[in-house]
């Protein structure tokens, strides 16, 4: 039988388990990304640009924000720093100056090659089977979908 106080126990909170795991993963990324001179959010931006840039299409800042679930107030300074480092170019389209597109520079593409080993290095020494990690990723995506669907239905 569950005691009433169990609902407020830190160890029983899904949110805390997610929060602590997120902090642990981000901490594990930090030294790997330091070698690339990227922060974790910058790395996520670059992952999307490498993925979408392979098709040759320009990425819109608004699409990037939706994909990363970041608002423009968070995304704009990240993009300015990456542009300042010469990794990408931002450009307003002439048909609608409100729309900003992103394109990787040669330096941005070159960084992709250096980043290829990051995912494997991250998991080196982690005693989890790849199948468990894939199942966890799938479950977390289902949780995210459910939470976002619920948030969207209250509007």
N, C-alpha and C. Protein backbone atom coordinates (compact mmCIF):
# COMPACT_ATOMS: atom_id res chain seq x y z
N UNK A 1 0.84 -1.19 0.00
CA UNK A 1 0.00 0.00 0.00
C UNK A 1 0.89 1.26 0.00
N UNK A 2 0.52 2.23 -0.81
CA UNK A 2 1.28 3.46 -0.93
C UNK A 2 0.85 4.44 0.15
N UNK A 3 1.83 5.00 0.84
CA UNK A 3 1.53 6.02 1.84
C UNK A 3 1.29 7.34 1.12
N UNK A 4 0.44 8.22 1.68
CA UNK A 4 0.17 9.51 1.05
C UNK A 4 1.44 10.31 0.76
N UNK A 5 2.44 10.23 1.63
CA UNK A 5 3.67 10.99 1.43
C UNK A 5 4.52 10.46 0.28
N UNK A 6 4.28 9.21 -0.16
CA UNK A 6 5.04 8.64 -1.26
C UNK A 6 4.88 9.45 -2.54
N UNK A 7 3.75 10.06 -2.73
CA UNK A 7 3.52 10.86 -3.93
C UNK A 7 4.46 12.06 -3.99
N UNK A 8 4.93 12.49 -2.84
CA UNK A 8 5.83 13.64 -2.78
C UNK A 8 7.28 13.25 -2.53
N UNK A 9 7.59 11.97 -2.59
CA UNK A 9 8.96 11.51 -2.42
C UNK A 9 9.75 11.83 -3.69
N UNK A 10 10.90 12.43 -3.53
CA UNK A 10 11.74 12.80 -4.67
C UNK A 10 12.04 11.60 -5.56
N UNK A 11 12.35 10.47 -4.95
CA UNK A 11 12.70 9.29 -5.72
C UNK A 11 11.53 8.71 -6.51
N UNK A 12 10.33 9.12 -6.23
CA UNK A 12 9.15 8.65 -6.96
C UNK A 12 8.75 9.59 -8.10
N UNK A 13 9.49 10.64 -8.30
CA UNK A 13 9.15 11.64 -9.31
C UNK A 13 9.80 11.30 -10.66
N UNK A 14 8.98 11.10 -11.66
CA UNK A 14 9.50 10.87 -13.01
C UNK A 14 10.28 12.10 -13.47
N UNK A 15 9.76 13.27 -13.16
CA UNK A 15 10.42 14.51 -13.59
C UNK A 15 11.84 14.60 -13.05
N UNK A 16 12.06 14.15 -11.81
CA UNK A 16 13.41 14.23 -11.25
C UNK A 16 14.34 13.22 -11.93
N UNK A 17 13.83 12.05 -12.22
CA UNK A 17 14.66 11.05 -12.91
C UNK A 17 15.08 11.59 -14.29
N UNK A 18 14.15 12.23 -14.99
CA UNK A 18 14.48 12.81 -16.30
C UNK A 18 15.47 13.96 -16.15
N UNK A 19 15.23 14.81 -15.17
CA UNK A 19 16.11 15.96 -14.92
C UNK A 19 17.53 15.50 -14.59
N UNK A 20 17.65 14.55 -13.67
CA UNK A 20 18.97 14.07 -13.26
C UNK A 20 19.68 13.36 -14.41
N UNK A 21 18.95 12.57 -15.18
CA UNK A 21 19.55 11.89 -16.33
C UNK A 21 20.01 12.91 -17.37
N UNK A 22 19.20 13.93 -17.61
CA UNK A 22 19.57 14.99 -18.56
C UNK A 22 20.86 15.68 -18.11
N UNK A 23 20.96 16.00 -16.85
CA UNK A 23 22.17 16.65 -16.33
C UNK A 23 23.39 15.74 -16.47
N UNK A 24 23.21 14.46 -16.21
CA UNK A 24 24.32 13.51 -16.31
C UNK A 24 24.78 13.35 -17.76
N UNK A 25 23.84 13.28 -18.67
CA UNK A 25 24.20 13.16 -20.09
C UNK A 25 24.90 14.42 -20.57
N UNK A 26 24.36 15.57 -20.22
CA UNK A 26 24.96 16.84 -20.63
C UNK A 26 26.38 16.97 -20.07
N UNK A 27 26.58 16.56 -18.82
CA UNK A 27 27.92 16.61 -18.22
C UNK A 27 28.88 15.69 -18.96
N UNK A 28 28.38 14.55 -19.40
CA UNK A 28 29.23 13.60 -20.13
C UNK A 28 29.60 14.15 -21.52
N UNK A 29 28.70 14.93 -22.11
CA UNK A 29 28.99 15.56 -23.41
C UNK A 29 30.03 16.67 -23.29
N UNK A 30 30.04 17.38 -22.17
CA UNK A 30 30.84 18.60 -22.03
C UNK A 30 32.28 18.45 -22.50
N UNK A 31 33.06 17.47 -22.03
CA UNK A 31 34.45 17.39 -22.49
C UNK A 31 34.57 17.00 -23.96
N UNK A 32 33.63 16.21 -24.45
CA UNK A 32 33.67 15.82 -25.86
C UNK A 32 33.41 17.03 -26.76
N UNK A 33 32.47 17.87 -26.34
CA UNK A 33 32.13 19.04 -27.15
C UNK A 33 33.15 20.16 -26.97
N UNK A 34 33.85 20.16 -25.85
CA UNK A 34 34.91 21.16 -25.65
C UNK A 34 35.98 21.02 -26.73
N UNK A 35 36.22 19.78 -27.13
CA UNK A 35 37.19 19.54 -28.21
C UNK A 35 36.73 20.16 -29.53
N UNK A 36 35.42 20.35 -29.68
CA UNK A 36 34.87 20.96 -30.89
C UNK A 36 34.57 22.44 -30.68
N UNK A 37 34.80 22.92 -29.47
CA UNK A 37 34.48 24.29 -29.08
C UNK A 37 32.99 24.59 -29.28
N UNK A 38 32.15 23.63 -28.86
CA UNK A 38 30.70 23.78 -28.94
C UNK A 38 30.08 23.54 -27.57
N UNK A 39 29.01 24.26 -27.30
CA UNK A 39 28.19 23.95 -26.14
C UNK A 39 27.19 22.88 -26.58
N UNK A 40 26.51 22.27 -25.62
CA UNK A 40 25.53 21.25 -25.97
C UNK A 40 24.41 21.81 -26.85
N UNK A 41 23.82 22.97 -26.53
CA UNK A 41 22.79 23.51 -27.44
C UNK A 41 23.33 23.82 -28.84
N UNK A 42 24.57 24.31 -28.92
CA UNK A 42 25.17 24.56 -30.24
C UNK A 42 25.35 23.25 -31.00
N UNK A 43 25.74 22.21 -30.31
CA UNK A 43 25.89 20.88 -30.92
C UNK A 43 24.55 20.42 -31.51
N UNK A 44 23.47 20.62 -30.77
CA UNK A 44 22.15 20.23 -31.27
C UNK A 44 21.79 21.00 -32.54
N UNK A 45 22.10 22.29 -32.56
CA UNK A 45 21.86 23.10 -33.76
C UNK A 45 22.65 22.53 -34.92
N UNK A 46 23.92 22.23 -34.68
CA UNK A 46 24.77 21.71 -35.76
C UNK A 46 24.26 20.35 -36.24
N UNK A 47 23.79 19.49 -35.34
CA UNK A 47 23.25 18.20 -35.76
C UNK A 47 22.11 18.38 -36.76
N UNK A 48 21.20 19.30 -36.46
CA UNK A 48 20.07 19.54 -37.36
C UNK A 48 20.56 20.10 -38.68
N UNK A 49 21.48 21.05 -38.63
CA UNK A 49 21.97 21.65 -39.88
C UNK A 49 22.74 20.64 -40.73
N UNK A 50 23.53 19.77 -40.10
CA UNK A 50 24.22 18.73 -40.87
C UNK A 50 23.21 17.80 -41.52
N UNK A 51 22.20 17.42 -40.76
CA UNK A 51 21.18 16.50 -41.27
C UNK A 51 20.39 17.13 -42.41
N UNK A 52 19.89 18.32 -42.20
CA UNK A 52 19.03 18.95 -43.21
C UNK A 52 19.83 19.51 -44.37
N UNK A 53 21.08 19.91 -44.12
CA UNK A 53 21.91 20.48 -45.17
C UNK A 53 22.35 19.47 -46.21
N UNK A 54 22.28 18.19 -45.89
CA UNK A 54 22.67 17.16 -46.85
C UNK A 54 21.76 17.17 -48.07
N UNK A 55 20.52 17.63 -47.90
CA UNK A 55 19.59 17.68 -49.02
C UNK A 55 19.85 18.90 -49.89
N UNK A 56 20.68 19.82 -49.42
CA UNK A 56 20.97 21.03 -50.18
C UNK A 56 19.97 22.14 -49.90
N UNK A 57 18.93 21.86 -49.13
CA UNK A 57 17.92 22.87 -48.81
C UNK A 57 18.41 23.75 -47.67
N UNK A 58 18.00 25.00 -47.70
CA UNK A 58 18.31 25.90 -46.60
C UNK A 58 17.34 25.64 -45.46
N UNK A 59 17.81 25.76 -44.26
CA UNK A 59 16.99 25.56 -43.08
C UNK A 59 16.48 26.91 -42.60
N UNK A 60 15.19 27.00 -42.36
CA UNK A 60 14.62 28.23 -41.80
C UNK A 60 14.84 28.21 -40.29
N UNK A 61 15.11 29.37 -39.74
CA UNK A 61 15.31 29.47 -38.29
C UNK A 61 14.05 29.00 -37.56
N UNK A 62 12.88 29.35 -38.08
CA UNK A 62 11.63 28.93 -37.42
C UNK A 62 11.50 27.41 -37.40
N UNK A 63 11.89 26.75 -38.48
CA UNK A 63 11.84 25.28 -38.51
C UNK A 63 12.85 24.67 -37.54
N UNK A 64 14.02 25.27 -37.46
CA UNK A 64 15.04 24.80 -36.52
C UNK A 64 14.52 24.92 -35.09
N UNK A 65 13.89 26.04 -34.78
CA UNK A 65 13.34 26.25 -33.45
C UNK A 65 12.29 25.22 -33.10
N UNK A 66 11.41 24.91 -34.06
CA UNK A 66 10.39 23.87 -33.81
C UNK A 66 11.04 22.52 -33.58
N UNK A 67 12.01 22.21 -34.39
CA UNK A 67 12.66 20.90 -34.29
C UNK A 67 13.38 20.73 -32.95
N UNK A 68 14.03 21.79 -32.49
CA UNK A 68 14.79 21.73 -31.24
C UNK A 68 13.94 22.13 -30.03
N UNK A 69 12.71 22.58 -30.31
CA UNK A 69 11.81 23.04 -29.24
C UNK A 69 12.44 24.20 -28.46
N UNK A 70 13.01 25.14 -29.23
CA UNK A 70 13.62 26.34 -28.66
C UNK A 70 12.94 27.57 -29.22
N UNK A 71 12.73 28.57 -28.38
CA UNK A 71 12.13 29.81 -28.87
C UNK A 71 13.21 30.69 -29.49
N UNK A 72 12.78 31.72 -30.21
CA UNK A 72 13.74 32.57 -30.92
C UNK A 72 14.66 33.32 -29.96
N UNK A 73 14.18 33.63 -28.75
CA UNK A 73 15.02 34.31 -27.78
C UNK A 73 16.20 33.47 -27.33
N UNK A 74 16.04 32.16 -27.36
CA UNK A 74 17.13 31.25 -27.00
C UNK A 74 17.98 30.95 -28.23
N UNK A 75 17.32 30.78 -29.36
CA UNK A 75 17.99 30.34 -30.58
C UNK A 75 18.85 31.44 -31.21
N UNK A 76 18.37 32.67 -31.22
CA UNK A 76 19.09 33.75 -31.90
C UNK A 76 20.51 33.94 -31.37
N UNK A 77 20.73 34.02 -30.05
CA UNK A 77 22.12 34.17 -29.58
C UNK A 77 23.01 32.97 -29.94
N UNK A 78 22.43 31.77 -29.92
CA UNK A 78 23.19 30.57 -30.32
C UNK A 78 23.65 30.71 -31.76
N UNK A 79 22.74 31.11 -32.63
CA UNK A 79 23.05 31.22 -34.05
C UNK A 79 24.05 32.35 -34.30
N UNK A 80 23.93 33.44 -33.57
CA UNK A 80 24.88 34.55 -33.73
C UNK A 80 26.30 34.08 -33.37
N UNK A 81 26.41 33.30 -32.28
CA UNK A 81 27.73 32.81 -31.88
C UNK A 81 28.30 31.85 -32.93
N UNK A 82 27.45 30.96 -33.45
CA UNK A 82 27.92 30.02 -34.47
C UNK A 82 28.30 30.76 -35.76
N UNK A 83 27.54 31.79 -36.09
CA UNK A 83 27.86 32.59 -37.27
C UNK A 83 29.17 33.35 -37.04
N UNK A 84 29.34 33.89 -35.84
CA UNK A 84 30.57 34.60 -35.50
C UNK A 84 31.80 33.72 -35.59
N UNK A 85 31.63 32.44 -35.35
CA UNK A 85 32.73 31.48 -35.47
C UNK A 85 32.94 31.02 -36.91
N UNK A 86 32.07 31.48 -37.80
CA UNK A 86 32.22 31.12 -39.21
C UNK A 86 31.68 29.75 -39.57
N UNK A 87 30.78 29.21 -38.73
CA UNK A 87 30.24 27.87 -38.99
C UNK A 87 28.96 27.89 -39.82
N UNK A 88 28.27 29.02 -39.83
CA UNK A 88 27.04 29.11 -40.61
C UNK A 88 26.81 30.55 -41.03
N UNK A 89 25.92 30.71 -42.00
CA UNK A 89 25.50 32.04 -42.45
C UNK A 89 23.99 32.14 -42.27
N UNK A 90 23.54 33.30 -41.77
CA UNK A 90 22.11 33.59 -41.68
C UNK A 90 21.78 34.59 -42.77
N UNK A 91 20.63 34.38 -43.39
CA UNK A 91 20.24 35.30 -44.47
C UNK A 91 18.73 35.44 -44.49
N UNK A 92 18.27 36.67 -44.64
CA UNK A 92 16.84 36.93 -44.79
C UNK A 92 16.46 36.70 -46.25
N UNK A 93 15.30 36.09 -46.48
CA UNK A 93 14.90 35.88 -47.87
C UNK A 93 14.20 37.14 -48.39
N UNK A 94 14.43 37.45 -49.63
CA UNK A 94 13.93 38.70 -50.19
C UNK A 94 12.40 38.76 -50.27
N UNK A 95 11.74 37.62 -50.47
CA UNK A 95 10.28 37.60 -50.58
C UNK A 95 9.59 37.94 -49.27
N UNK A 96 10.23 37.61 -48.15
CA UNK A 96 9.66 37.87 -46.84
C UNK A 96 10.81 38.05 -45.85
N UNK A 97 11.14 39.30 -45.54
CA UNK A 97 12.29 39.61 -44.70
C UNK A 97 12.18 39.09 -43.28
N UNK A 98 10.98 38.63 -42.89
CA UNK A 98 10.82 38.05 -41.56
C UNK A 98 11.42 36.65 -41.49
N UNK A 99 11.60 36.02 -42.64
CA UNK A 99 12.09 34.65 -42.70
C UNK A 99 13.61 34.65 -42.84
N UNK A 100 14.27 33.97 -41.91
CA UNK A 100 15.73 33.87 -41.92
C UNK A 100 16.09 32.42 -42.20
N UNK A 101 17.00 32.23 -43.16
CA UNK A 101 17.48 30.89 -43.48
C UNK A 101 18.92 30.74 -43.01
N UNK A 102 19.31 29.49 -42.86
CA UNK A 102 20.65 29.15 -42.39
C UNK A 102 21.33 28.25 -43.39
N UNK A 103 22.60 28.46 -43.59
CA UNK A 103 23.40 27.58 -44.44
C UNK A 103 24.76 27.38 -43.78
N UNK A 104 25.21 26.16 -43.77
CA UNK A 104 26.53 25.87 -43.20
C UNK A 104 27.62 26.39 -44.12
N UNK A 105 28.68 26.84 -43.53
CA UNK A 105 29.86 27.25 -44.28
C UNK A 105 30.75 26.01 -44.46
N UNK A 106 31.83 26.18 -45.19
CA UNK A 106 32.78 25.06 -45.33
C UNK A 106 33.32 24.65 -43.96
N UNK A 107 33.55 25.62 -43.09
CA UNK A 107 34.04 25.30 -41.74
C UNK A 107 32.99 24.53 -40.95
N UNK A 108 31.72 24.86 -41.15
CA UNK A 108 30.63 24.13 -40.48
C UNK A 108 30.57 22.69 -40.94
N UNK A 109 30.75 22.50 -42.24
CA UNK A 109 30.75 21.12 -42.76
C UNK A 109 31.99 20.36 -42.29
N UNK A 110 33.13 21.04 -42.22
CA UNK A 110 34.37 20.38 -41.76
C UNK A 110 34.24 19.93 -40.31
N UNK A 111 33.51 20.69 -39.51
CA UNK A 111 33.33 20.32 -38.11
C UNK A 111 32.54 19.02 -37.98
N UNK A 112 31.69 18.75 -38.95
CA UNK A 112 30.91 17.50 -38.91
C UNK A 112 31.84 16.29 -38.86
N UNK A 113 32.88 16.32 -39.61
CA UNK A 113 33.81 15.19 -39.64
C UNK A 113 34.44 14.98 -38.27
N UNK A 114 34.81 16.07 -37.62
CA UNK A 114 35.40 15.97 -36.27
C UNK A 114 34.38 15.50 -35.24
N UNK A 115 33.10 15.76 -35.49
CA UNK A 115 32.04 15.41 -34.52
C UNK A 115 31.56 13.97 -34.66
N UNK A 116 31.94 13.29 -35.72
CA UNK A 116 31.42 11.93 -35.98
C UNK A 116 31.64 10.96 -34.82
N UNK A 117 32.72 11.13 -34.10
CA UNK A 117 33.04 10.18 -33.03
C UNK A 117 32.34 10.50 -31.71
N UNK A 118 31.68 11.65 -31.61
CA UNK A 118 31.07 12.06 -30.34
C UNK A 118 30.05 11.04 -29.82
N UNK A 119 29.08 10.60 -30.61
CA UNK A 119 28.09 9.66 -30.05
C UNK A 119 28.72 8.38 -29.50
N UNK A 120 29.68 7.83 -30.21
CA UNK A 120 30.31 6.60 -29.74
C UNK A 120 31.14 6.85 -28.48
N UNK A 121 31.89 7.95 -28.45
CA UNK A 121 32.69 8.28 -27.27
C UNK A 121 31.78 8.51 -26.06
N UNK A 122 30.62 9.09 -26.30
CA UNK A 122 29.69 9.37 -25.20
C UNK A 122 29.30 8.08 -24.49
N UNK A 123 29.06 7.03 -25.26
CA UNK A 123 28.58 5.78 -24.69
C UNK A 123 29.70 4.83 -24.27
N UNK A 124 30.94 5.19 -24.59
CA UNK A 124 32.06 4.35 -24.21
C UNK A 124 32.11 4.25 -22.69
N UNK A 125 32.09 3.04 -22.20
CA UNK A 125 32.15 2.82 -20.76
C UNK A 125 30.79 2.83 -20.08
N UNK A 126 29.72 3.08 -20.84
CA UNK A 126 28.38 3.04 -20.24
C UNK A 126 27.87 1.60 -20.36
N UNK A 127 27.51 1.03 -19.23
CA UNK A 127 27.12 -0.39 -19.19
C UNK A 127 25.64 -0.56 -19.53
N UNK A 128 25.26 -0.10 -20.71
CA UNK A 128 23.89 -0.30 -21.20
C UNK A 128 23.97 -0.85 -22.61
N UNK A 129 23.15 -1.84 -22.88
CA UNK A 129 23.10 -2.43 -24.21
C UNK A 129 22.46 -1.45 -25.19
N UNK A 130 22.92 -1.41 -26.43
CA UNK A 130 22.33 -0.51 -27.43
C UNK A 130 20.81 -0.69 -27.56
N UNK A 131 20.33 -1.92 -27.41
CA UNK A 131 18.89 -2.17 -27.52
C UNK A 131 18.13 -1.46 -26.41
N UNK A 132 18.71 -1.43 -25.22
CA UNK A 132 18.07 -0.72 -24.10
C UNK A 132 18.02 0.78 -24.35
N UNK A 133 19.09 1.31 -24.90
CA UNK A 133 19.12 2.74 -25.21
C UNK A 133 18.12 3.09 -26.30
N UNK A 134 18.00 2.24 -27.32
CA UNK A 134 17.01 2.47 -28.38
C UNK A 134 15.60 2.41 -27.82
N UNK A 135 15.34 1.45 -26.93
CA UNK A 135 14.02 1.33 -26.31
C UNK A 135 13.74 2.57 -25.45
N UNK A 136 14.74 3.05 -24.73
CA UNK A 136 14.58 4.24 -23.90
C UNK A 136 14.27 5.45 -24.78
N UNK A 137 15.01 5.62 -25.87
CA UNK A 137 14.76 6.74 -26.78
C UNK A 137 13.34 6.69 -27.32
N UNK A 138 12.89 5.50 -27.69
CA UNK A 138 11.53 5.34 -28.20
C UNK A 138 10.50 5.70 -27.14
N UNK A 139 10.73 5.26 -25.92
CA UNK A 139 9.81 5.55 -24.81
C UNK A 139 9.79 7.04 -24.48
N UNK A 140 10.96 7.68 -24.47
CA UNK A 140 11.02 9.11 -24.20
C UNK A 140 10.32 9.91 -25.30
N UNK A 141 10.44 9.48 -26.54
CA UNK A 141 9.72 10.16 -27.62
C UNK A 141 8.21 10.02 -27.44
N UNK A 142 7.78 8.85 -26.98
CA UNK A 142 6.34 8.65 -26.73
C UNK A 142 5.87 9.56 -25.60
N UNK A 143 6.67 9.69 -24.55
CA UNK A 143 6.33 10.60 -23.44
C UNK A 143 6.25 12.03 -23.95
N UNK A 144 7.24 12.44 -24.74
CA UNK A 144 7.27 13.79 -25.29
C UNK A 144 6.04 14.05 -26.15
N UNK A 145 5.71 13.11 -27.01
CA UNK A 145 4.54 13.25 -27.87
C UNK A 145 3.27 13.39 -27.04
N UNK A 146 3.15 12.57 -26.01
CA UNK A 146 1.97 12.64 -25.15
C UNK A 146 1.90 13.98 -24.43
N UNK A 147 3.02 14.44 -23.90
CA UNK A 147 3.03 15.71 -23.17
C UNK A 147 2.76 16.89 -24.10
N UNK A 148 3.35 16.88 -25.27
CA UNK A 148 3.12 17.98 -26.21
C UNK A 148 1.70 17.95 -26.75
N UNK A 149 1.16 16.75 -26.96
CA UNK A 149 -0.22 16.63 -27.43
C UNK A 149 -1.18 17.15 -26.38
N UNK A 150 -0.89 16.84 -25.13
CA UNK A 150 -1.72 17.31 -24.03
C UNK A 150 -1.64 18.82 -23.90
N UNK A 151 -0.45 19.37 -24.04
CA UNK A 151 -0.27 20.82 -23.93
C UNK A 151 -0.97 21.52 -25.08
N UNK A 152 -0.91 20.93 -26.27
CA UNK A 152 -1.55 21.53 -27.44
C UNK A 152 -3.07 21.47 -27.38
N UNK A 153 -3.60 20.48 -26.66
CA UNK A 153 -5.06 20.32 -26.63
C UNK A 153 -5.72 21.30 -25.68
N UNK A 154 -4.94 21.95 -24.81
CA UNK A 154 -5.53 22.90 -23.86
C UNK A 154 -5.60 24.31 -24.43
N UNK A 155 -5.07 24.53 -25.61
CA UNK A 155 -5.11 25.87 -26.21
C UNK A 155 -6.46 26.21 -26.78
